[in-house]
N, C-alpha and C. Protein backbone atom coordinates (compact mmCIF):
# COMPACT_ATOMS: atom_id res chain seq x y z
N UNK A 1 59.52 4.62 23.31
CA UNK A 1 59.22 3.96 24.57
C UNK A 1 57.95 4.57 25.18
N UNK A 2 57.87 5.90 25.18
CA UNK A 2 56.68 6.54 25.75
C UNK A 2 55.41 6.15 25.00
N UNK A 3 55.52 6.08 23.68
CA UNK A 3 54.36 5.71 22.87
C UNK A 3 53.87 4.31 23.23
N UNK A 4 54.80 3.40 23.50
CA UNK A 4 54.39 2.04 23.86
C UNK A 4 53.72 2.02 25.23
N UNK A 5 54.17 2.86 26.16
CA UNK A 5 53.53 2.94 27.48
C UNK A 5 52.13 3.51 27.37
N UNK A 6 51.97 4.53 26.53
CA UNK A 6 50.65 5.12 26.33
C UNK A 6 49.72 4.13 25.66
N UNK A 7 50.22 3.42 24.66
CA UNK A 7 49.42 2.39 23.97
C UNK A 7 48.97 1.31 24.95
N UNK A 8 49.88 0.88 25.80
CA UNK A 8 49.54 -0.14 26.80
C UNK A 8 48.50 0.38 27.79
N UNK A 9 48.63 1.63 28.20
CA UNK A 9 47.68 2.21 29.14
C UNK A 9 46.29 2.36 28.51
N UNK A 10 46.24 2.77 27.25
CA UNK A 10 44.95 2.88 26.55
C UNK A 10 44.33 1.48 26.38
N UNK A 11 45.13 0.51 26.04
CA UNK A 11 44.64 -0.86 25.90
C UNK A 11 44.08 -1.37 27.23
N UNK A 12 44.77 -1.08 28.32
CA UNK A 12 44.28 -1.48 29.64
C UNK A 12 42.94 -0.80 29.93
N UNK A 13 42.85 0.49 29.61
CA UNK A 13 41.61 1.22 29.84
C UNK A 13 40.45 0.60 29.07
N UNK A 14 40.67 0.31 27.80
CA UNK A 14 39.61 -0.29 26.99
C UNK A 14 39.19 -1.64 27.54
N UNK A 15 40.15 -2.43 27.95
CA UNK A 15 39.84 -3.75 28.50
C UNK A 15 39.08 -3.62 29.83
N UNK A 16 39.56 -2.75 30.69
CA UNK A 16 38.93 -2.57 32.00
C UNK A 16 37.50 -2.04 31.86
N UNK A 17 37.30 -1.18 30.88
CA UNK A 17 35.98 -0.57 30.69
C UNK A 17 35.04 -1.41 29.83
N UNK A 18 35.49 -2.59 29.41
CA UNK A 18 34.67 -3.50 28.60
C UNK A 18 34.22 -2.86 27.29
N UNK A 19 35.13 -2.19 26.62
CA UNK A 19 34.83 -1.62 25.31
C UNK A 19 35.77 -2.24 24.29
N UNK A 20 35.40 -2.22 23.02
CA UNK A 20 36.22 -2.88 21.99
C UNK A 20 37.62 -2.28 21.87
N UNK A 21 38.56 -3.13 21.53
CA UNK A 21 39.93 -2.68 21.30
C UNK A 21 39.94 -1.65 20.17
N UNK A 22 40.65 -0.56 20.36
CA UNK A 22 40.73 0.50 19.36
C UNK A 22 39.60 1.51 19.44
N UNK A 23 38.73 1.38 20.42
CA UNK A 23 37.58 2.27 20.58
C UNK A 23 38.00 3.73 20.65
N UNK A 24 39.06 4.00 21.40
CA UNK A 24 39.48 5.39 21.59
C UNK A 24 40.27 5.96 20.41
N UNK A 25 40.53 5.16 19.40
CA UNK A 25 41.12 5.70 18.18
C UNK A 25 40.08 6.45 17.36
N UNK A 26 38.81 6.07 17.51
CA UNK A 26 37.74 6.65 16.72
C UNK A 26 36.72 7.42 17.55
N UNK A 27 36.82 7.36 18.86
CA UNK A 27 35.86 8.01 19.74
C UNK A 27 36.59 8.87 20.76
N UNK A 28 35.95 9.94 21.19
CA UNK A 28 36.60 10.81 22.19
C UNK A 28 36.78 10.07 23.52
N UNK A 29 37.88 10.37 24.18
CA UNK A 29 38.17 9.77 25.47
C UNK A 29 37.68 10.72 26.57
N UNK A 30 36.84 10.22 27.49
CA UNK A 30 36.40 11.07 28.60
C UNK A 30 37.60 11.56 29.42
N UNK A 31 37.42 12.69 30.05
CA UNK A 31 38.51 13.30 30.82
C UNK A 31 39.02 12.39 31.93
N UNK A 32 38.12 11.66 32.58
CA UNK A 32 38.56 10.77 33.65
C UNK A 32 39.40 9.62 33.12
N UNK A 33 39.02 9.09 31.96
CA UNK A 33 39.80 8.03 31.34
C UNK A 33 41.14 8.57 30.87
N UNK A 34 41.15 9.77 30.31
CA UNK A 34 42.41 10.38 29.88
C UNK A 34 43.36 10.55 31.06
N UNK A 35 42.83 10.99 32.19
CA UNK A 35 43.69 11.15 33.38
C UNK A 35 44.23 9.80 33.83
N UNK A 36 43.41 8.76 33.77
CA UNK A 36 43.87 7.41 34.15
C UNK A 36 44.98 6.94 33.22
N UNK A 37 44.84 7.20 31.93
CA UNK A 37 45.86 6.81 30.95
C UNK A 37 47.16 7.56 31.22
N UNK A 38 47.06 8.84 31.51
CA UNK A 38 48.25 9.65 31.84
C UNK A 38 48.94 9.09 33.08
N UNK A 39 48.15 8.82 34.11
CA UNK A 39 48.73 8.30 35.36
C UNK A 39 49.39 6.95 35.14
N UNK A 40 48.72 6.07 34.40
CA UNK A 40 49.25 4.72 34.21
C UNK A 40 50.49 4.73 33.33
N UNK A 41 50.47 5.48 32.25
CA UNK A 41 51.66 5.54 31.40
C UNK A 41 52.82 6.21 32.12
N UNK A 42 52.53 7.20 32.96
CA UNK A 42 53.58 7.82 33.78
C UNK A 42 54.16 6.81 34.77
N UNK A 43 53.28 6.01 35.34
CA UNK A 43 53.74 4.97 36.28
C UNK A 43 54.63 3.96 35.56
N UNK A 44 54.22 3.53 34.36
CA UNK A 44 55.06 2.61 33.59
C UNK A 44 56.43 3.22 33.33
N UNK A 45 56.46 4.50 32.98
CA UNK A 45 57.73 5.17 32.69
C UNK A 45 58.59 5.28 33.95
N UNK A 46 57.99 5.72 35.04
CA UNK A 46 58.74 5.91 36.27
C UNK A 46 59.21 4.60 36.89
N UNK A 47 58.53 3.50 36.57
CA UNK A 47 58.87 2.20 37.14
C UNK A 47 59.62 1.32 36.15
N UNK A 48 60.15 1.88 35.09
CA UNK A 48 60.79 1.09 34.05
C UNK A 48 62.05 0.37 34.53
N UNK A 49 62.60 0.77 35.65
CA UNK A 49 63.79 0.11 36.17
C UNK A 49 63.45 -1.12 37.01
N UNK A 50 62.16 -1.44 37.11
CA UNK A 50 61.74 -2.62 37.85
C UNK A 50 61.36 -2.34 39.30
N UNK A 51 61.50 -1.10 39.74
CA UNK A 51 61.10 -0.77 41.10
C UNK A 51 59.58 -0.71 41.17
N UNK A 52 59.05 -0.82 42.35
CA UNK A 52 57.59 -0.82 42.49
C UNK A 52 57.02 0.57 42.56
N UNK A 53 57.80 1.54 43.00
CA UNK A 53 57.25 2.87 43.20
C UNK A 53 57.66 3.90 42.19
N UNK A 54 58.67 3.61 41.39
CA UNK A 54 59.13 4.59 40.42
C UNK A 54 59.57 5.86 41.10
N UNK A 55 58.96 6.98 40.72
CA UNK A 55 59.31 8.28 41.27
C UNK A 55 59.14 8.32 42.78
N UNK A 56 58.13 7.57 43.28
CA UNK A 56 57.85 7.55 44.71
C UNK A 56 58.43 6.28 45.35
N UNK A 57 59.66 5.94 45.01
CA UNK A 57 60.27 4.68 45.45
C UNK A 57 60.38 4.57 46.96
N UNK A 58 60.41 5.70 47.66
CA UNK A 58 60.51 5.64 49.11
C UNK A 58 59.19 5.24 49.77
N UNK A 59 58.13 5.18 49.00
CA UNK A 59 56.82 4.80 49.50
C UNK A 59 56.48 3.42 48.94
N UNK A 60 56.54 2.41 49.78
CA UNK A 60 56.35 1.03 49.30
C UNK A 60 54.95 0.78 48.76
N UNK A 61 53.97 1.58 49.13
CA UNK A 61 52.60 1.39 48.65
C UNK A 61 52.27 2.23 47.44
N UNK A 62 53.26 2.92 46.88
CA UNK A 62 52.99 3.85 45.78
C UNK A 62 52.41 3.15 44.56
N UNK A 63 52.96 2.00 44.19
CA UNK A 63 52.47 1.29 43.01
C UNK A 63 51.01 0.89 43.20
N UNK A 64 50.68 0.39 44.35
CA UNK A 64 49.29 0.00 44.62
C UNK A 64 48.37 1.21 44.61
N UNK A 65 48.84 2.34 45.12
CA UNK A 65 48.04 3.56 45.10
C UNK A 65 47.76 4.02 43.67
N UNK A 66 48.75 3.90 42.81
CA UNK A 66 48.56 4.27 41.40
C UNK A 66 47.49 3.39 40.78
N UNK A 67 47.61 2.07 40.94
CA UNK A 67 46.64 1.16 40.34
C UNK A 67 45.25 1.38 40.91
N UNK A 68 45.13 1.61 42.20
CA UNK A 68 43.82 1.87 42.80
C UNK A 68 43.19 3.12 42.21
N UNK A 69 43.97 4.18 42.07
CA UNK A 69 43.47 5.44 41.53
C UNK A 69 43.09 5.28 40.06
N UNK A 70 43.94 4.63 39.28
CA UNK A 70 43.65 4.40 37.86
C UNK A 70 42.34 3.62 37.72
N UNK A 71 42.18 2.56 38.47
CA UNK A 71 40.97 1.75 38.37
C UNK A 71 39.73 2.52 38.81
N UNK A 72 39.86 3.37 39.83
CA UNK A 72 38.72 4.20 40.25
C UNK A 72 38.32 5.17 39.14
N UNK A 73 39.30 5.78 38.49
CA UNK A 73 39.00 6.69 37.39
C UNK A 73 38.36 5.95 36.21
N UNK A 74 38.89 4.79 35.88
CA UNK A 74 38.35 4.03 34.75
C UNK A 74 36.95 3.50 35.04
N UNK A 75 36.68 3.23 36.29
CA UNK A 75 35.36 2.72 36.67
C UNK A 75 34.25 3.73 36.37
N UNK A 76 34.59 5.02 36.38
CA UNK A 76 33.58 6.06 36.14
C UNK A 76 32.99 5.98 34.73
N UNK A 77 33.76 5.46 33.77
CA UNK A 77 33.29 5.37 32.39
C UNK A 77 33.16 3.92 31.92
N UNK A 78 33.07 3.01 32.85
CA UNK A 78 33.00 1.58 32.52
C UNK A 78 31.62 1.19 32.02
N UNK A 79 31.60 0.29 31.06
CA UNK A 79 30.32 -0.28 30.59
C UNK A 79 30.03 -1.50 31.44
N UNK A 80 28.95 -1.46 32.16
CA UNK A 80 28.65 -2.47 33.16
C UNK A 80 27.79 -3.62 32.66
N UNK A 81 27.37 -3.61 31.39
CA UNK A 81 26.53 -4.70 30.92
C UNK A 81 27.31 -6.01 30.92
N UNK A 82 26.59 -7.08 30.99
CA UNK A 82 27.19 -8.40 31.03
C UNK A 82 27.36 -8.93 29.63
């Protein structure tokens, strides 16, 4: 289960950063992207019961905070060409 969450998080990162699928299998992952993948896969794991906040279920904005932070981290290594 954890492996599938990590795979999904890496796939999201590659898509968000406009890089080819499987890029991080053959290339080093920047530290900011690695942190985003850790955060996102942790969020998937903590929210596996369908709740929006997972570990931080008492905070209704927790899920949005996770996605905002993940996207900010991924933006640092994004390829901006059209």
